[in-house]
C-alpha atoms as a PDB file:
ATOM      1  CA  UNK A   1      -0.005   0.020  -0.052  1.00  0.00           C
ATOM      2  CA  UNK A   2       1.598   3.229  -1.205  1.00  0.00           C
ATOM      3  CA  UNK A   3       0.962   6.715   0.095  1.00  0.00           C
ATOM      4  CA  UNK A   4       1.983  10.138  -0.931  1.00  0.00           C
ATOM      5  CA  UNK A   5       1.656  13.681   0.320  1.00  0.00           C
ATOM      6  CA  UNK A   6      -1.658  15.368  -0.113  1.00  0.00           C
ATOM      7  CA  UNK A   7      -1.613  18.637  -2.158  1.00  0.00           C
ATOM      8  CA  UNK A   8      -4.585  20.785  -0.982  1.00  0.00           C
ATOM      9  CA  UNK A   9      -4.576  22.771  -4.284  1.00  0.00           C
ATOM     10  CA  UNK A  10      -5.748  19.703  -6.214  1.00  0.00           C
ATOM     11  CA  UNK A  11      -8.278  16.955  -5.728  1.00  0.00           C
ATOM     12  CA  UNK A  12      -6.912  14.004  -3.866  1.00  0.00           C
ATOM     13  CA  UNK A  13      -7.635  10.481  -4.995  1.00  0.00           C
ATOM     14  CA  UNK A  14      -6.791   6.930  -3.866  1.00  0.00           C
ATOM     15  CA  UNK A  15      -6.764   4.046  -6.319  1.00  0.00           C
ATOM     16  CA  UNK A  16      -7.508   0.500  -5.105  1.00  0.00           C
ATOM     17  CA  UNK A  17      -7.354  -2.475  -7.405  1.00  0.00           C
ATOM     18  CA  UNK A  18      -5.808  -5.946  -6.971  1.00  0.00           C
ATOM     19  CA  UNK A  19      -4.586  -6.047 -10.605  1.00  0.00           C
ATOM     20  CA  UNK A  20      -1.397  -4.161 -10.300  1.00  0.00           C
ATOM     21  CA  UNK A  21      -0.819  -3.510 -14.047  1.00  0.00           C
ATOM     22  CA  UNK A  22      -4.290  -1.989 -14.389  1.00  0.00           C
ATOM     23  CA  UNK A  23      -3.824  -0.026 -11.165  1.00  0.00           C
ATOM     24  CA  UNK A  24      -0.585   1.378 -12.424  1.00  0.00           C
ATOM     25  CA  UNK A  25      -2.258   2.568 -15.633  1.00  0.00           C
ATOM     26  CA  UNK A  26      -4.980   4.248 -13.622  1.00  0.00           C
ATOM     27  CA  UNK A  27      -2.559   5.977 -11.335  1.00  0.00           C
ATOM     28  CA  UNK A  28      -0.454   7.140 -14.311  1.00  0.00           C
ATOM     29  CA  UNK A  29      -3.573   8.530 -16.048  1.00  0.00           C
ATOM     30  CA  UNK A  30      -4.201  10.923 -13.023  1.00  0.00           C
ATOM     31  CA  UNK A  31      -0.607  11.774 -12.619  1.00  0.00           C
ATOM     32  CA  UNK A  32      -0.607  12.961 -16.227  1.00  0.00           C
ATOM     33  CA  UNK A  33      -3.174  15.703 -15.336  1.00  0.00           C
ATOM     34  CA  UNK A  34      -2.700  18.805 -13.243  1.00  0.00           C
ATOM     35  CA  UNK A  35      -5.988  18.807 -11.169  1.00  0.00           C
ATOM     36  CA  UNK A  36      -5.605  15.457  -9.328  1.00  0.00           C
ATOM     37  CA  UNK A  37      -3.134  14.093  -6.702  1.00  0.00           C
ATOM     38  CA  UNK A  38      -2.891  10.418  -6.293  1.00  0.00           C
ATOM     39  CA  UNK A  39      -2.159  10.265  -2.555  1.00  0.00           C
ATOM     40  CA  UNK A  40      -2.441   6.487  -2.076  1.00  0.00           C
ATOM     41  CA  UNK A  41      -2.929   3.120  -3.802  1.00  0.00           C
ATOM     42  CA  UNK A  42      -3.692  -0.419  -2.595  1.00  0.00           C
ATOM     43  CA  UNK A  43      -5.100  -3.802  -3.626  1.00  0.00           C
ATOM     44  CA  UNK A  44      -7.709  -4.947  -1.125  1.00  0.00           C
ATOM     45  CA  UNK A  45     -10.920  -3.716   0.562  1.00  0.00           C
ATOM     46  CA  UNK A  46      -8.827  -3.351   3.836  1.00  0.00           C
ATOM     47  CA  UNK A  47      -6.334  -1.163   1.987  1.00  0.00           C
ATOM     48  CA  UNK A  48      -9.251   1.038   0.714  1.00  0.00           C
ATOM     49  CA  UNK A  49     -10.745   1.517   4.222  1.00  0.00           C
ATOM     50  CA  UNK A  50      -7.285   2.165   5.754  1.00  0.00           C
ATOM     51  CA  UNK A  51      -6.318   4.671   3.078  1.00  0.00           C
ATOM     52  CA  UNK A  52      -9.559   6.581   3.423  1.00  0.00           C
ATOM     53  CA  UNK A  53      -9.323   6.646   7.123  1.00  0.00           C
ATOM     54  CA  UNK A  54      -5.709   7.938   7.107  1.00  0.00           C
ATOM     55  CA  UNK A  55      -5.929  10.347   4.151  1.00  0.00           C
ATOM     56  CA  UNK A  56      -9.560  11.284   3.803  1.00  0.00           C
ATOM     57  CA  UNK A  57      -9.237  11.885   0.086  1.00  0.00           C
ATOM     58  CA  UNK A  58     -11.732  13.620  -2.072  1.00  0.00           C
ATOM     59  CA  UNK A  59     -12.235  10.432  -4.181  1.00  0.00           C
ATOM     60  CA  UNK A  60     -11.770   6.785  -3.675  1.00  0.00           C
ATOM     61  CA  UNK A  61     -11.531   4.889  -6.957  1.00  0.00           C
ATOM     62  CA  UNK A  62     -12.047   1.213  -6.020  1.00  0.00           C
ATOM     63  CA  UNK A  63     -12.454  -2.172  -7.738  1.00  0.00           C
ATOM     64  CA  UNK A  64     -15.756  -3.981  -7.264  1.00  0.00           C
ATOM     65  CA  UNK A  65     -14.256  -7.495  -7.008  1.00  0.00           C
ATOM     66  CA  UNK A  66     -10.943  -6.900  -5.141  1.00  0.00           C
ATOM     67  CA  UNK A  67     -10.102  -9.233  -2.189  1.00  0.00           C
ATOM     68  CA  UNK A  68     -12.249  -8.438   0.817  1.00  0.00           C
ATOM     69  CA  UNK A  69     -15.166  -7.227  -1.349  1.00  0.00           C
ATOM     70  CA  UNK A  70     -15.329  -3.825  -3.068  1.00  0.00           C
ATOM     71  CA  UNK A  71     -19.014  -3.319  -2.324  1.00  0.00           C
ATOM     72  CA  UNK A  72     -18.576  -3.848   1.357  1.00  0.00           C
ATOM     73  CA  UNK A  73     -15.641  -1.512   1.519  1.00  0.00           C
ATOM     74  CA  UNK A  74     -17.699   1.045  -0.396  1.00  0.00           C
ATOM     75  CA  UNK A  75     -20.532   0.838   2.049  1.00  0.00           C
ATOM     76  CA  UNK A  76     -18.268   1.313   5.060  1.00  0.00           C
ATOM     77  CA  UNK A  77     -16.499   4.246   3.544  1.00  0.00           C
ATOM     78  CA  UNK A  78     -19.656   6.020   2.477  1.00  0.00           C
ATOM     79  CA  UNK A  79     -21.114   5.520   5.952  1.00  0.00           C
ATOM     80  CA  UNK A  80     -18.064   6.542   7.929  1.00  0.00           C
ATOM     81  CA  UNK A  81     -16.677   9.279   5.525  1.00  0.00           C
ATOM     82  CA  UNK A  82     -19.629  10.622   3.661  1.00  0.00           C
ATOM     83  CA  UNK A  83     -17.689  13.482   2.059  1.00  0.00           C
ATOM     84  CA  UNK A  84     -15.453  10.983   0.220  1.00  0.00           C
ATOM     85  CA  UNK A  85     -16.824  10.243  -3.177  1.00  0.00           C
ATOM     86  CA  UNK A  86     -16.636   6.485  -3.956  1.00  0.00           C
ATOM     87  CA  UNK A  87     -16.263   5.387  -7.618  1.00  0.00           C
ATOM     88  CA  UNK A  88     -16.458   1.750  -8.485  1.00  0.00           C
ATOM     89  CA  UNK A  89     -14.333   0.303 -11.300  1.00  0.00           C
ATOM     90  CA  UNK A  90     -15.399  -3.080 -12.752  1.00  0.00           C
ATOM     91  CA  UNK A  91     -15.578  -5.219 -15.788  1.00  0.00           C
ATOM     92  CA  UNK A  92     -19.110  -6.261 -14.893  1.00  0.00           C
ATOM     93  CA  UNK A  93     -22.176  -4.915 -16.697  1.00  0.00           C
ATOM     94  CA  UNK A  94     -24.505  -6.913 -14.459  1.00  0.00           C
ATOM     95  CA  UNK A  95     -27.440  -4.724 -13.589  1.00  0.00           C
ATOM     96  CA  UNK A  96     -27.768  -6.126 -10.056  1.00  0.00           C
ATOM     97  CA  UNK A  97     -24.129  -5.333  -9.292  1.00  0.00           C
ATOM     98  CA  UNK A  98     -24.590  -1.746 -10.483  1.00  0.00           C
ATOM     99  CA  UNK A  99     -27.644  -1.331  -8.265  1.00  0.00           C
ATOM    100  CA  UNK A 100     -25.774  -2.774  -5.281  1.00  0.00           C
ATOM    101  CA  UNK A 101     -22.923  -0.381  -5.960  1.00  0.00           C
ATOM    102  CA  UNK A 102     -25.256   2.578  -6.006  1.00  0.00           C
ATOM    103  CA  UNK A 103     -27.140   1.310  -2.884  1.00  0.00           C
ATOM    104  CA  UNK A 104     -23.736   1.036  -1.097  1.00  0.00           C
ATOM    105  CA  UNK A 105     -23.370   4.818  -1.564  1.00  0.00           C
ATOM    106  CA  UNK A 106     -21.009   4.973  -4.500  1.00  0.00           C
ATOM    107  CA  UNK A 107     -21.561   7.938  -6.920  1.00  0.00           C
ATOM    108  CA  UNK A 108     -19.998   6.357  -9.999  1.00  0.00           C
ATOM    109  CA  UNK A 109     -19.786   2.998 -11.712  1.00  0.00           C
ATOM    110  CA  UNK A 110     -17.137   2.870 -14.488  1.00  0.00           C
ATOM    111  CA  UNK A 111     -16.310   0.024 -16.754  1.00  0.00           C
ATOM    112  CA  UNK A 112     -12.670  -0.858 -16.941  1.00  0.00           C
ATOM    113  CA  UNK A 113     -12.706  -0.793 -20.806  1.00  0.00           C
ATOM    114  CA  UNK A 114     -12.926   3.056 -20.831  1.00  0.00           C
ATOM    115  CA  UNK A 115      -9.938   4.960 -22.073  1.00  0.00           C
ATOM    116  CA  UNK A 116      -7.587   6.791 -19.734  1.00  0.00           C
ATOM    117  CA  UNK A 117      -8.698  10.284 -20.943  1.00  0.00           C
ATOM    118  CA  UNK A 118     -12.452   9.303 -20.580  1.00  0.00           C
ATOM    119  CA  UNK A 119     -11.794   7.949 -17.150  1.00  0.00           C
ATOM    120  CA  UNK A 120     -10.192  11.148 -15.995  1.00  0.00           C
ATOM    121  CA  UNK A 121     -12.991  13.123 -17.553  1.00  0.00           C
ATOM    122  CA  UNK A 122     -15.687  10.962 -15.856  1.00  0.00           C
ATOM    123  CA  UNK A 123     -13.951  11.288 -12.447  1.00  0.00           C
ATOM    124  CA  UNK A 124     -13.613  15.030 -12.926  1.00  0.00           C
ATOM    125  CA  UNK A 125     -17.350  15.384 -13.553  1.00  0.00           C
ATOM    126  CA  UNK A 126     -18.091  13.204 -10.456  1.00  0.00           C
ATOM    127  CA  UNK A 127     -15.726  15.450  -8.427  1.00  0.00           C
ATOM    128  CA  UNK A 128     -17.819  18.390  -9.663  1.00  0.00           C
ATOM    129  CA  UNK A 129     -20.991  16.867  -8.195  1.00  0.00           C
ATOM    130  CA  UNK A 130     -22.404  14.660 -10.920  1.00  0.00           C
ATOM    131  CA  UNK A 131     -23.170  10.947 -10.758  1.00  0.00           C
ATOM    132  CA  UNK A 132     -22.109   8.447 -13.374  1.00  0.00           C
ATOM    133  CA  UNK A 133     -23.121   5.104 -14.855  1.00  0.00           C
ATOM    134  CA  UNK A 134     -22.275   3.792 -18.367  1.00  0.00           C
ATOM    135  CA  UNK A 135     -24.635   5.520 -20.855  1.00  0.00           C
ATOM    136  CA  UNK A 136     -25.694   2.221 -22.347  1.00  0.00           C
ATOM    137  CA  UNK A 137     -26.927   1.078 -18.961  1.00  0.00           C
ATOM    138  CA  UNK A 138     -28.599   4.203 -17.764  1.00  0.00           C
ATOM    139  CA  UNK A 139     -32.075   3.424 -19.271  1.00  0.00           C
ATOM    140  CA  UNK A 140     -32.120  -0.128 -17.993  1.00  0.00           C
ATOM    141  CA  UNK A 141     -31.061   1.015 -14.532  1.00  0.00           C
ATOM    142  CA  UNK A 142     -33.682   3.748 -14.369  1.00  0.00           C
ATOM    143  CA  UNK A 143     -36.353   1.153 -15.312  1.00  0.00           C
ATOM    144  CA  UNK A 144     -35.113  -1.314 -12.744  1.00  0.00           C
ATOM    145  CA  UNK A 145     -35.183   1.382 -10.062  1.00  0.00           C
ATOM    146  CA  UNK A 146     -38.711   2.173 -10.901  1.00  0.00           C
ATOM    147  CA  UNK A 147     -39.926  -1.346 -11.200  1.00  0.00           C
ATOM    148  CA  UNK A 148     -41.882  -2.459  -8.062  1.00  0.00           C
ATOM    149  CA  UNK A 149     -39.921  -4.962  -5.996  1.00  0.00           C
ATOM    150  CA  UNK A 150     -41.551  -8.390  -5.668  1.00  0.00           C
ATOM    151  CA  UNK A 151     -43.558  -8.760  -2.450  1.00  0.00           C
ATOM    152  CA  UNK A 152     -42.532 -11.519  -0.161  1.00  0.00           C
ATOM    153  CA  UNK A 153     -45.627 -13.721   0.094  1.00  0.00           C
ATOM    154  CA  UNK A 154     -45.056 -14.470   3.758  1.00  0.00           C
ATOM    155  CA  UNK A 155     -44.813 -10.821   4.587  1.00  0.00           C
ATOM    156  CA  UNK A 156     -47.991 -10.163   2.544  1.00  0.00           C
ATOM    157  CA  UNK A 157     -49.839 -12.710   4.555  1.00  0.00           C
ATOM    158  CA  UNK A 158     -48.503 -11.501   7.873  1.00  0.00           C
ATOM    159  CA  UNK A 159     -49.765  -8.025   7.034  1.00  0.00           C
ATOM    160  CA  UNK A 160     -53.269  -9.545   7.450  1.00  0.00           C
ATOM    161  CA  UNK A 161     -52.721 -10.150  11.137  1.00  0.00           C
ATOM    162  CA  UNK A 162     -54.287  -7.994  13.767  1.00  0.00           C
ATOM    163  CA  UNK A 163     -52.093  -6.207  16.340  1.00  0.00           C
ATOM    164  CA  UNK A 164     -53.069  -8.765  18.966  1.00  0.00           C
ATOM    165  CA  UNK A 165     -52.288 -11.702  16.593  1.00  0.00           C
ATOM    166  CA  UNK A 166     -48.933 -10.101  15.723  1.00  0.00           C
ATOM    167  CA  UNK A 167     -48.052  -9.857  19.452  1.00  0.00           C
ATOM    168  CA  UNK A 168     -49.025 -13.485  19.955  1.00  0.00           C
ATOM    169  CA  UNK A 169     -46.898 -14.524  16.921  1.00  0.00           C
ATOM    170  CA  UNK A 170     -43.908 -12.563  18.282  1.00  0.00           C
ATOM    171  CA  UNK A 171     -44.167 -14.499  21.510  1.00  0.00           C
ATOM    172  CA  UNK A 172     -44.549 -17.782  19.530  1.00  0.00           C
ATOM    173  CA  UNK A 173     -41.238 -16.851  17.965  1.00  0.00           C
ATOM    174  CA  UNK A 174     -39.689 -16.718  21.502  1.00  0.00           C
ATOM    175  CA  UNK A 175     -40.854 -20.308  22.055  1.00  0.00           C
ATOM    176  CA  UNK A 176     -43.560 -19.532  24.621  1.00  0.00           C
ATOM    177  CA  UNK A 177     -46.510 -21.916  25.188  1.00  0.00           C
ATOM    178  CA  UNK A 178     -50.112 -20.839  25.048  1.00  0.00           C
ATOM    179  CA  UNK A 179     -50.286 -20.559  28.833  1.00  0.00           C
ATOM    180  CA  UNK A 180     -47.085 -18.479  28.941  1.00  0.00           C
ATOM    181  CA  UNK A 181     -48.396 -16.202  26.162  1.00  0.00           C
ATOM    182  CA  UNK A 182     -51.710 -15.815  28.112  1.00  0.00           C
ATOM    183  CA  UNK A 183     -49.707 -14.739  31.240  1.00  0.00           C
ATOM    184  CA  UNK A 184     -47.557 -12.378  29.187  1.00  0.00           C
ATOM    185  CA  UNK A 185     -50.464 -10.710  27.498  1.00  0.00           C
ATOM    186  CA  UNK A 186     -53.013 -10.791  30.302  1.00  0.00           C
ATOM    187  CA  UNK A 187     -55.631 -12.736  28.418  1.00  0.00           C
ATOM    188  CA  UNK A 188     -57.253 -16.188  28.803  1.00  0.00           C
ATOM    189  CA  UNK A 189     -55.562 -19.306  27.308  1.00  0.00           C
ATOM    190  CA  UNK A 190     -58.652 -19.856  25.057  1.00  0.00           C
ATOM    191  CA  UNK A 191     -58.108 -16.406  23.621  1.00  0.00           C
ATOM    192  CA  UNK A 192     -54.467 -17.249  22.873  1.00  0.00           C
ATOM    193  CA  UNK A 193     -55.614 -20.473  21.204  1.00  0.00           C
ATOM    194  CA  UNK A 194     -58.033 -18.426  19.062  1.00  0.00           C
ATOM    195  CA  UNK A 195     -55.320 -16.036  17.975  1.00  0.00           C
ATOM    196  CA  UNK A 196     -52.948 -18.921  17.168  1.00  0.00           C
ATOM    197  CA  UNK A 197     -55.609 -20.461  15.028  1.00  0.00           C
ATOM    198  CA  UNK A 198     -56.122 -17.292  13.096  1.00  0.00           C
ATOM    199  CA  UNK A 199     -52.256 -16.885  12.730  1.00  0.00           C
ATOM    200  CA  UNK A 200     -51.911 -20.365  11.269  1.00  0.00           C
ATOM    201  CA  UNK A 201     -54.864 -19.715   8.837  1.00  0.00           C
ATOM    202  CA  UNK A 202     -53.779 -16.271   7.674  1.00  0.00           C
ATOM    203  CA  UNK A 203     -50.155 -17.170   7.443  1.00  0.00           C
ATOM    204  CA  UNK A 204     -50.843 -20.439   5.824  1.00  0.00           C
ATOM    205  CA  UNK A 205     -48.539 -22.187   8.321  1.00  0.00           C
ATOM    206  CA  UNK A 206     -48.719 -25.946   8.778  1.00  0.00           C
ATOM    207  CA  UNK A 207     -47.946 -25.767  12.437  1.00  0.00           C
ATOM    208  CA  UNK A 208     -46.690 -23.587  15.362  1.00  0.00           C
ATOM    209  CA  UNK A 209     -43.103 -24.307  14.376  1.00  0.00           C
ATOM    210  CA  UNK A 210     -43.432 -22.796  10.896  1.00  0.00           C
ATOM    211  CA  UNK A 211     -45.170 -19.756  12.491  1.00  0.00           C
ATOM    212  CA  UNK A 212     -42.455 -19.345  15.080  1.00  0.00           C
ATOM    213  CA  UNK A 213     -39.734 -19.438  12.320  1.00  0.00           C
ATOM    214  CA  UNK A 214     -41.576 -16.716  10.424  1.00  0.00           C
ATOM    215  CA  UNK A 215     -41.904 -14.652  13.559  1.00  0.00           C
ATOM    216  CA  UNK A 216     -38.162 -14.822  14.140  1.00  0.00           C
ATOM    217  CA  UNK A 217     -37.529 -13.670  10.526  1.00  0.00           C
ATOM    218  CA  UNK A 218     -40.330 -11.107   9.878  1.00  0.00           C
ATOM    219  CA  UNK A 219     -41.797  -9.802  13.116  1.00  0.00           C
ATOM    220  CA  UNK A 220     -40.102  -6.884  14.890  1.00  0.00           C
ATOM    221  CA  UNK A 221     -38.701  -7.647  18.309  1.00  0.00           C
ATOM    222  CA  UNK A 222     -41.049  -5.140  19.937  1.00  0.00           C
ATOM    223  CA  UNK A 223     -44.156  -3.330  18.979  1.00  0.00           C
ATOM    224  CA  UNK A 224     -43.170  -0.254  20.951  1.00  0.00           C
END
């Protein structure tokens, strides 16, 4: 992991990619222009986080698939150092990967086939406040972002539960018996049995065990 001195008159940038030959080309592209300072370079997600923590550059140019996970590194950087603009470099044109990169907080997604002058131009525009995805992917991405996400069928069925039934389901998820649930909620055991029956019917669960598993996955720990 290499580091240099930060020149406050220019935009600082770190470059992190595990392919050393490609990384060297990227670094040289920014050293050939007069408005960027490459202040650090590395090869892993850990390098990316450490460089940003130590140098707080204006821009972190990172690989999606580097060791340690580029997307995870981007998410951590964007959360802990929101002023740092994270730009992902990748060979992947997979729509899901692009969306994950944007969800992680990155402001740019650049394909590695781009020329050095175009890369510098793209990064320059992002530094000026723009966002970037490959033009050929922009329409598809916009459509994907507007497309309603599929509804989980179990969540949809659990939405039919009353507040009392949801509370009973939550306690089922903690492994409580009908009597214990009755004591916890201050109702009679027969009322708990009635609620459990409704939960199994509405949730289309075969038994209490299925209902308890769903409770652990879908029902908030508290209704407060």
